[in-house]
All heavy atoms as atom14 arrays in JSON, in Angstrom:
{
  "sequence": "KHSIGQRASALVLFILSQKKNNLIIIDQPEDDLDNQV",
  "atom14_mask": [
    [1, 1, 1, 1, 1, 1, 1, 1, 1, 0, 0, 0, 0, 0],
    [1, 1, 1, 1, 1, 1, 1, 1, 1, 1, 0, 0, 0, 0],
    [1, 1, 1, 1, 1, 1, 0, 0, 0, 0, 0, 0, 0, 0],
    [1, 1, 1, 1, 1, 1, 1, 1, 0, 0, 0, 0, 0, 0],
    [1, 1, 1, 1, 0, 0, 0, 0, 0, 0, 0, 0, 0, 0],
    [1, 1, 1, 1, 1, 1, 1, 1, 1, 0, 0, 0, 0, 0],
    [1, 1, 1, 1, 1, 1, 1, 1, 1, 1, 1, 0, 0, 0],
    [1, 1, 1, 1, 1, 0, 0, 0, 0, 0, 0, 0, 0, 0],
    [1, 1, 1, 1, 1, 1, 0, 0, 0, 0, 0, 0, 0, 0],
    [1, 1, 1, 1, 1, 0, 0, 0, 0, 0, 0, 0, 0, 0],
    [1, 1, 1, 1, 1, 1, 1, 1, 0, 0, 0, 0, 0, 0],
    [1, 1, 1, 1, 1, 1, 1, 0, 0, 0, 0, 0, 0, 0],
    [1, 1, 1, 1, 1, 1, 1, 1, 0, 0, 0, 0, 0, 0],
    [1, 1, 1, 1, 1, 1, 1, 1, 1, 1, 1, 0, 0, 0],
    [1, 1, 1, 1, 1, 1, 1, 1, 0, 0, 0, 0, 0, 0],
    [1, 1, 1, 1, 1, 1, 1, 1, 0, 0, 0, 0, 0, 0],
    [1, 1, 1, 1, 1, 1, 0, 0, 0, 0, 0, 0, 0, 0],
    [1, 1, 1, 1, 1, 1, 1, 1, 1, 0, 0, 0, 0, 0],
    [1, 1, 1, 1, 1, 1, 1, 1, 1, 0, 0, 0, 0, 0],
    [1, 1, 1, 1, 1, 1, 1, 1, 1, 0, 0, 0, 0, 0],
    [1, 1, 1, 1, 1, 1, 1, 1, 0, 0, 0, 0, 0, 0],
    [1, 1, 1, 1, 1, 1, 1, 1, 0, 0, 0, 0, 0, 0],
    [1, 1, 1, 1, 1, 1, 1, 1, 0, 0, 0, 0, 0, 0],
    [1, 1, 1, 1, 1, 1, 1, 1, 0, 0, 0, 0, 0, 0],
    [1, 1, 1, 1, 1, 1, 1, 1, 0, 0, 0, 0, 0, 0],
    [1, 1, 1, 1, 1, 1, 1, 1, 0, 0, 0, 0, 0, 0],
    [1, 1, 1, 1, 1, 1, 1, 1, 0, 0, 0, 0, 0, 0],
    [1, 1, 1, 1, 1, 1, 1, 1, 1, 0, 0, 0, 0, 0],
    [1, 1, 1, 1, 1, 1, 1, 0, 0, 0, 0, 0, 0, 0],
    [1, 1, 1, 1, 1, 1, 1, 1, 1, 0, 0, 0, 0, 0],
    [1, 1, 1, 1, 1, 1, 1, 1, 0, 0, 0, 0, 0, 0],
    [1, 1, 1, 1, 1, 1, 1, 1, 0, 0, 0, 0, 0, 0],
    [1, 1, 1, 1, 1, 1, 1, 1, 0, 0, 0, 0, 0, 0],
    [1, 1, 1, 1, 1, 1, 1, 1, 0, 0, 0, 0, 0, 0],
    [1, 1, 1, 1, 1, 1, 1, 1, 0, 0, 0, 0, 0, 0],
    [1, 1, 1, 1, 1, 1, 1, 1, 1, 0, 0, 0, 0, 0],
    [1, 1, 1, 1, 1, 1, 1, 0, 0, 0, 0, 0, 0, 0]
  ],
  "atom14_positions": [
    [[133.93, 115.8, 135.02], [133.85, 114.38, 135.25], [133.43, 114.01, 136.68], [133.4, 112.82, 137.05], [135.19, 113.68, 134.9], [135.54, 113.77, 133.42], [136.81, 112.99, 133.12], [137.13, 113.03, 131.62], [138.33, 112.27, 131.31], [0.0, 0.0, 0.0], [0.0, 0.0, 0.0], [0.0, 0.0, 0.0], [0.0, 0.0, 0.0], [0.0, 0.0, 0.0]],
    [[133.15, 115.04, 137.46], [132.76, 114.79, 138.85], [131.2, 114.92, 138.99], [130.54, 115.42, 138.11], [133.41, 115.83, 139.76], [134.85, 115.56, 140.03], [135.3, 114.62, 140.9], [135.96, 116.16, 139.52], [136.61, 114.6, 140.92], [137.05, 115.52, 140.11], [0.0, 0.0, 0.0], [0.0, 0.0, 0.0], [0.0, 0.0, 0.0], [0.0, 0.0, 0.0]],
    [[130.71, 114.48, 140.09], [129.28, 114.6, 140.4], [128.91, 116.03, 140.69], [129.8, 116.88, 140.85], [128.92, 113.75, 141.66], [129.55, 114.3, 142.79], [0.0, 0.0, 0.0], [0.0, 0.0, 0.0], [0.0, 0.0, 0.0], [0.0, 0.0, 0.0], [0.0, 0.0, 0.0], [0.0, 0.0, 0.0], [0.0, 0.0, 0.0], [0.0, 0.0, 0.0]],
    [[127.61, 116.33, 140.7], [127.17, 117.71, 140.95], [127.68, 118.21, 142.3], [128.14, 119.37, 142.42], [125.63, 117.79, 140.92], [125.12, 117.48, 139.49], [125.13, 119.17, 141.38], [123.62, 117.48, 139.36], [0.0, 0.0, 0.0], [0.0, 0.0, 0.0], [0.0, 0.0, 0.0], [0.0, 0.0, 0.0], [0.0, 0.0, 0.0], [0.0, 0.0, 0.0]],
    [[127.64, 117.37, 143.31], [128.15, 117.78, 144.63], [129.62, 118.07, 144.63], [130.07, 119.06, 145.22], [0.0, 0.0, 0.0], [0.0, 0.0, 0.0], [0.0, 0.0, 0.0], [0.0, 0.0, 0.0], [0.0, 0.0, 0.0], [0.0, 0.0, 0.0], [0.0, 0.0, 0.0], [0.0, 0.0, 0.0], [0.0, 0.0, 0.0], [0.0, 0.0, 0.0]],
    [[130.4, 117.25, 143.93], [131.82, 117.47, 143.85], [132.12, 118.71, 143.04], [133.08, 119.46, 143.36], [132.49, 116.24, 143.22], [132.48, 115.02, 144.13], [132.95, 113.78, 143.42], [132.66, 113.54, 142.23], [133.7, 112.95, 144.14], [0.0, 0.0, 0.0], [0.0, 0.0, 0.0], [0.0, 0.0, 0.0], [0.0, 0.0, 0.0], [0.0, 0.0, 0.0]],
    [[131.36, 118.98, 142.03], [131.54, 120.2, 141.24], [131.29, 121.44, 142.11], [132.03, 122.42, 142.03], [130.61, 120.23, 140.04], [130.88, 119.19, 138.94], [129.85, 119.31, 137.82], [129.83, 118.08, 137.06], [128.95, 117.9, 136.05], [128.1, 118.85, 135.73], [128.99, 116.74, 135.4], [0.0, 0.0, 0.0], [0.0, 0.0, 0.0], [0.0, 0.0, 0.0]],
    [[130.21, 121.35, 142.9], [129.9, 122.47, 143.8], [131.03, 122.68, 144.77], [131.45, 123.81, 145.07], [128.59, 122.18, 144.56], [0.0, 0.0, 0.0], [0.0, 0.0, 0.0], [0.0, 0.0, 0.0], [0.0, 0.0, 0.0], [0.0, 0.0, 0.0], [0.0, 0.0, 0.0], [0.0, 0.0, 0.0], [0.0, 0.0, 0.0], [0.0, 0.0, 0.0]],
    [[131.58, 121.59, 145.28], [132.7, 121.68, 146.27], [133.88, 122.33, 145.6], [134.55, 123.24, 146.15], [133.09, 120.31, 146.77], [134.19, 120.36, 147.62], [0.0, 0.0, 0.0], [0.0, 0.0, 0.0], [0.0, 0.0, 0.0], [0.0, 0.0, 0.0], [0.0, 0.0, 0.0], [0.0, 0.0, 0.0], [0.0, 0.0, 0.0], [0.0, 0.0, 0.0]],
    [[134.2, 121.91, 144.38], [135.36, 122.47, 143.64], [135.17, 123.95, 143.38], [136.13, 124.75, 143.54], [135.53, 121.73, 142.31], [0.0, 0.0, 0.0], [0.0, 0.0, 0.0], [0.0, 0.0, 0.0], [0.0, 0.0, 0.0], [0.0, 0.0, 0.0], [0.0, 0.0, 0.0], [0.0, 0.0, 0.0], [0.0, 0.0, 0.0], [0.0, 0.0, 0.0]],
    [[133.97, 124.38, 143.01], [133.72, 125.79, 142.71], [133.78, 126.65, 143.96], [134.34, 127.75, 143.95], [132.35, 125.92, 142.06], [132.28, 125.39, 140.62], [130.84, 125.47, 140.08], [133.21, 126.16, 139.67], [0.0, 0.0, 0.0], [0.0, 0.0, 0.0], [0.0, 0.0, 0.0], [0.0, 0.0, 0.0], [0.0, 0.0, 0.0], [0.0, 0.0, 0.0]],
    [[133.25, 126.13, 145.09], [133.36, 126.87, 146.35], [134.84, 127.05, 146.75], [135.25, 128.1, 147.17], [132.54, 126.19, 147.46], [132.83, 126.84, 148.84], [131.08, 126.24, 147.16], [0.0, 0.0, 0.0], [0.0, 0.0, 0.0], [0.0, 0.0, 0.0], [0.0, 0.0, 0.0], [0.0, 0.0, 0.0], [0.0, 0.0, 0.0], [0.0, 0.0, 0.0]],
    [[135.6, 125.93, 146.65], [137.01, 125.98, 147.01], [137.75, 126.95, 146.06], [138.71, 127.63, 146.48], [137.63, 124.58, 146.94], [137.15, 123.63, 148.07], [137.71, 122.23, 147.79], [137.62, 124.12, 149.39], [0.0, 0.0, 0.0], [0.0, 0.0, 0.0], [0.0, 0.0, 0.0], [0.0, 0.0, 0.0], [0.0, 0.0, 0.0], [0.0, 0.0, 0.0]],
    [[137.36, 126.97, 144.79], [137.97, 127.89, 143.84], [137.72, 129.33, 144.25], [138.65, 130.16, 144.21], [137.4, 127.63, 142.44], [137.91, 128.59, 141.41], [139.2, 128.49, 140.9], [137.06, 129.58, 140.89], [139.68, 129.38, 139.94], [137.53, 130.48, 139.95], [138.81, 130.39, 139.46], [0.0, 0.0, 0.0], [0.0, 0.0, 0.0], [0.0, 0.0, 0.0]],
    [[136.47, 129.63, 144.65], [136.17, 130.97, 145.13], [136.96, 131.31, 146.39], [137.53, 132.41, 146.5], [134.65, 131.09, 145.42], [133.85, 130.98, 144.13], [134.31, 132.41, 146.11], [132.35, 130.85, 144.34], [0.0, 0.0, 0.0], [0.0, 0.0, 0.0], [0.0, 0.0, 0.0], [0.0, 0.0, 0.0], [0.0, 0.0, 0.0], [0.0, 0.0, 0.0]],
    [[137.07, 130.36, 147.28], [137.8, 130.61, 148.54], [139.3, 130.84, 148.29], [139.99, 131.47, 149.07], [137.61, 129.44, 149.51], [136.19, 129.22, 150.04], [136.16, 128.0, 150.95], [135.67, 130.45, 150.77], [0.0, 0.0, 0.0], [0.0, 0.0, 0.0], [0.0, 0.0, 0.0], [0.0, 0.0, 0.0], [0.0, 0.0, 0.0], [0.0, 0.0, 0.0]],
    [[139.79, 130.26, 147.19], [141.22, 130.34, 146.96], [141.66, 131.64, 146.3], [142.87, 131.92, 146.16], [141.67, 129.18, 146.03], [141.16, 129.37, 144.7], [0.0, 0.0, 0.0], [0.0, 0.0, 0.0], [0.0, 0.0, 0.0], [0.0, 0.0, 0.0], [0.0, 0.0, 0.0], [0.0, 0.0, 0.0], [0.0, 0.0, 0.0], [0.0, 0.0, 0.0]],
    [[140.7, 132.49, 145.89], [141.04, 133.74, 145.22], [141.64, 134.74, 146.19], [140.95, 135.29, 147.06], [139.81, 134.36, 144.53], [139.16, 133.42, 143.53], [140.08, 132.96, 142.48], [140.62, 133.74, 141.68], [140.39, 131.65, 142.45], [0.0, 0.0, 0.0], [0.0, 0.0, 0.0], [0.0, 0.0, 0.0], [0.0, 0.0, 0.0], [0.0, 0.0, 0.0]],
    [[142.93, 134.94, 146.12], [143.66, 135.77, 147.1], [143.3, 137.26, 147.03], [143.47, 137.98, 147.99], [145.16, 135.62, 146.87], [145.66, 134.17, 146.94], [145.41, 133.54, 148.29], [145.97, 132.13, 148.39], [145.69, 131.48, 149.65], [0.0, 0.0, 0.0], [0.0, 0.0, 0.0], [0.0, 0.0, 0.0], [0.0, 0.0, 0.0], [0.0, 0.0, 0.0]],
    [[142.78, 137.71, 145.89], [142.48, 139.14, 145.75], [141.17, 139.52, 146.4], [140.87, 140.7, 146.62], [142.45, 139.48, 144.23], [143.76, 139.38, 143.54], [143.67, 139.79, 142.11], [144.99, 139.69, 141.38], [144.9, 140.1, 139.94], [0.0, 0.0, 0.0], [0.0, 0.0, 0.0], [0.0, 0.0, 0.0], [0.0, 0.0, 0.0], [0.0, 0.0, 0.0]],
    [[140.34, 138.55, 146.74], [139.06, 138.84, 147.37], [139.19, 139.0, 148.88], [139.73, 138.17, 149.56], [138.06, 137.7, 147.07], [137.72, 137.57, 145.6], [137.75, 138.54, 144.86], [137.46, 136.34, 145.19], [0.0, 0.0, 0.0], [0.0, 0.0, 0.0], [0.0, 0.0, 0.0], [0.0, 0.0, 0.0], [0.0, 0.0, 0.0], [0.0, 0.0, 0.0]],
    [[138.68, 140.13, 149.4], [138.67, 140.32, 150.85], [137.27, 140.24, 151.42], [137.04, 140.4, 152.59], [139.34, 141.61, 151.23], [138.69, 142.85, 150.62], [137.59, 142.74, 150.07], [139.37, 143.96, 150.64], [0.0, 0.0, 0.0], [0.0, 0.0, 0.0], [0.0, 0.0, 0.0], [0.0, 0.0, 0.0], [0.0, 0.0, 0.0], [0.0, 0.0, 0.0]],
    [[136.29, 139.94, 150.54], [134.91, 139.74, 150.96], [134.33, 138.6, 150.11], [134.32, 138.66, 148.88], [134.06, 141.0, 150.77], [132.56, 140.83, 151.03], [132.28, 140.39, 152.44], [131.8, 142.11, 150.67], [0.0, 0.0, 0.0], [0.0, 0.0, 0.0], [0.0, 0.0, 0.0], [0.0, 0.0, 0.0], [0.0, 0.0, 0.0], [0.0, 0.0, 0.0]],
    [[133.89, 137.53, 150.79], [133.29, 136.39, 150.06], [131.93, 136.05, 150.7], [131.84, 135.88, 151.91], [134.22, 135.13, 150.17], [135.56, 135.44, 149.42], [133.56, 133.92, 149.57], [136.58, 134.33, 149.51], [0.0, 0.0, 0.0], [0.0, 0.0, 0.0], [0.0, 0.0, 0.0], [0.0, 0.0, 0.0], [0.0, 0.0, 0.0], [0.0, 0.0, 0.0]],
    [[130.92, 136.03, 149.84], [129.54, 135.75, 150.3], [129.05, 134.46, 149.65], [129.12, 134.35, 148.44], [128.57, 136.89, 149.95], [129.06, 138.21, 150.54], [127.15, 136.59, 150.42], [128.25, 139.46, 150.12], [0.0, 0.0, 0.0], [0.0, 0.0, 0.0], [0.0, 0.0, 0.0], [0.0, 0.0, 0.0], [0.0, 0.0, 0.0], [0.0, 0.0, 0.0]],
    [[128.63, 133.51, 150.47], [128.21, 132.22, 149.95], [126.83, 131.88, 150.52], [126.61, 131.95, 151.73], [129.21, 131.08, 150.3], [130.58, 131.39, 149.68], [128.71, 129.72, 149.83], [131.63, 130.38, 149.99], [0.0, 0.0, 0.0], [0.0, 0.0, 0.0], [0.0, 0.0, 0.0], [0.0, 0.0, 0.0], [0.0, 0.0, 0.0], [0.0, 0.0, 0.0]],
    [[125.88, 131.55, 149.61], [124.51, 131.25, 150.04], [124.24, 129.74, 150.05], [124.3, 129.09, 149.03], [123.58, 131.93, 149.03], [122.08, 131.78, 149.42], [121.84, 131.49, 150.62], [121.26, 131.95, 148.54], [0.0, 0.0, 0.0], [0.0, 0.0, 0.0], [0.0, 0.0, 0.0], [0.0, 0.0, 0.0], [0.0, 0.0, 0.0], [0.0, 0.0, 0.0]],
    [[123.96, 129.23, 151.26], [123.59, 127.87, 151.49], [124.42, 126.83, 150.76], [123.93, 126.09, 149.91], [122.07, 127.68, 151.12], [121.16, 128.42, 152.04], [119.7, 128.12, 151.82], [118.84, 128.92, 152.19], [119.39, 126.95, 151.26], [0.0, 0.0, 0.0], [0.0, 0.0, 0.0], [0.0, 0.0, 0.0], [0.0, 0.0, 0.0], [0.0, 0.0, 0.0]],
    [[125.7, 126.72, 151.07], [126.55, 125.72, 150.44], [126.11, 124.31, 150.73], [126.4, 123.37, 149.95], [127.94, 126.03, 151.03], [127.66, 126.67, 152.34], [126.44, 127.52, 152.09], [0.0, 0.0, 0.0], [0.0, 0.0, 0.0], [0.0, 0.0, 0.0], [0.0, 0.0, 0.0], [0.0, 0.0, 0.0], [0.0, 0.0, 0.0], [0.0, 0.0, 0.0]],
    [[125.38, 124.12, 151.84], [124.93, 122.77, 152.19], [123.92, 122.17, 151.22], [123.63, 120.97, 151.25], [124.31, 122.77, 153.62], [123.02, 123.47, 153.79], [123.21, 124.97, 154.12], [124.31, 125.48, 153.95], [122.22, 125.59, 154.52], [0.0, 0.0, 0.0], [0.0, 0.0, 0.0], [0.0, 0.0, 0.0], [0.0, 0.0, 0.0], [0.0, 0.0, 0.0]],
    [[123.36, 123.02, 150.33], [122.4, 122.5, 149.36], [123.03, 121.43, 148.47], [122.36, 120.54, 147.96], [121.84, 123.65, 148.48], [120.84, 124.51, 149.25], [120.52, 124.16, 150.41], [120.45, 125.57, 148.71], [0.0, 0.0, 0.0], [0.0, 0.0, 0.0], [0.0, 0.0, 0.0], [0.0, 0.0, 0.0], [0.0, 0.0, 0.0], [0.0, 0.0, 0.0]],
    [[124.32, 121.56, 148.17], [125.04, 120.65, 147.29], [126.16, 119.91, 147.93], [126.78, 119.06, 147.3], [125.52, 121.4, 146.05], [124.4, 122.01, 145.23], [123.55, 121.25, 144.77], [124.4, 123.24, 145.03], [0.0, 0.0, 0.0], [0.0, 0.0, 0.0], [0.0, 0.0, 0.0], [0.0, 0.0, 0.0], [0.0, 0.0, 0.0], [0.0, 0.0, 0.0]],
    [[126.52, 120.25, 149.16], [127.7, 119.68, 149.79], [127.31, 118.89, 151.06], [126.45, 119.36, 151.84], [128.7, 120.76, 150.19], [129.13, 121.74, 149.09], [130.1, 122.74, 149.65], [129.79, 120.99, 147.92], [0.0, 0.0, 0.0], [0.0, 0.0, 0.0], [0.0, 0.0, 0.0], [0.0, 0.0, 0.0], [0.0, 0.0, 0.0], [0.0, 0.0, 0.0]],
    [[127.92, 117.73, 151.25], [127.63, 116.98, 152.48], [128.49, 117.52, 153.61], [129.44, 118.29, 153.4], [127.85, 115.48, 152.27], [129.27, 115.15, 151.89], [130.25, 115.77, 152.38], [129.43, 114.25, 151.03], [0.0, 0.0, 0.0], [0.0, 0.0, 0.0], [0.0, 0.0, 0.0], [0.0, 0.0, 0.0], [0.0, 0.0, 0.0], [0.0, 0.0, 0.0]],
    [[128.18, 117.08, 154.82], [128.84, 117.59, 156.04], [130.33, 117.31, 156.05], [131.12, 118.07, 156.56], [128.19, 117.01, 157.28], [126.93, 117.75, 157.66], [126.82, 118.95, 157.45], [125.97, 117.02, 158.2], [0.0, 0.0, 0.0], [0.0, 0.0, 0.0], [0.0, 0.0, 0.0], [0.0, 0.0, 0.0], [0.0, 0.0, 0.0], [0.0, 0.0, 0.0]],
    [[130.74, 116.15, 155.5], [132.16, 115.82, 155.48], [132.94, 116.8, 154.64], [134.02, 117.27, 155.04], [132.34, 114.37, 154.95], [133.79, 113.94, 155.02], [133.97, 112.49, 154.57], [133.05, 111.91, 154.01], [135.11, 111.93, 154.86], [0.0, 0.0, 0.0], [0.0, 0.0, 0.0], [0.0, 0.0, 0.0], [0.0, 0.0, 0.0], [0.0, 0.0, 0.0]],
    [[132.41, 117.12, 153.47], [133.05, 118.08, 152.6], [133.07, 119.47, 153.24], [134.1, 120.17, 153.22], [132.39, 118.15, 151.22], [132.94, 119.33, 150.39], [132.58, 116.85, 150.48], [0.0, 0.0, 0.0], [0.0, 0.0, 0.0], [0.0, 0.0, 0.0], [0.0, 0.0, 0.0], [0.0, 0.0, 0.0], [0.0, 0.0, 0.0], [0.0, 0.0, 0.0]]
  ]
}
């Protein structure tokens, strides 16, 4: 029910919240996220 940008933000935060991961690689998050987010 969220916009594409909000979905991207939620998915990035979901990835960041995974406690078992000790290596996280993210490619150009700014493509879908604004500076405030």
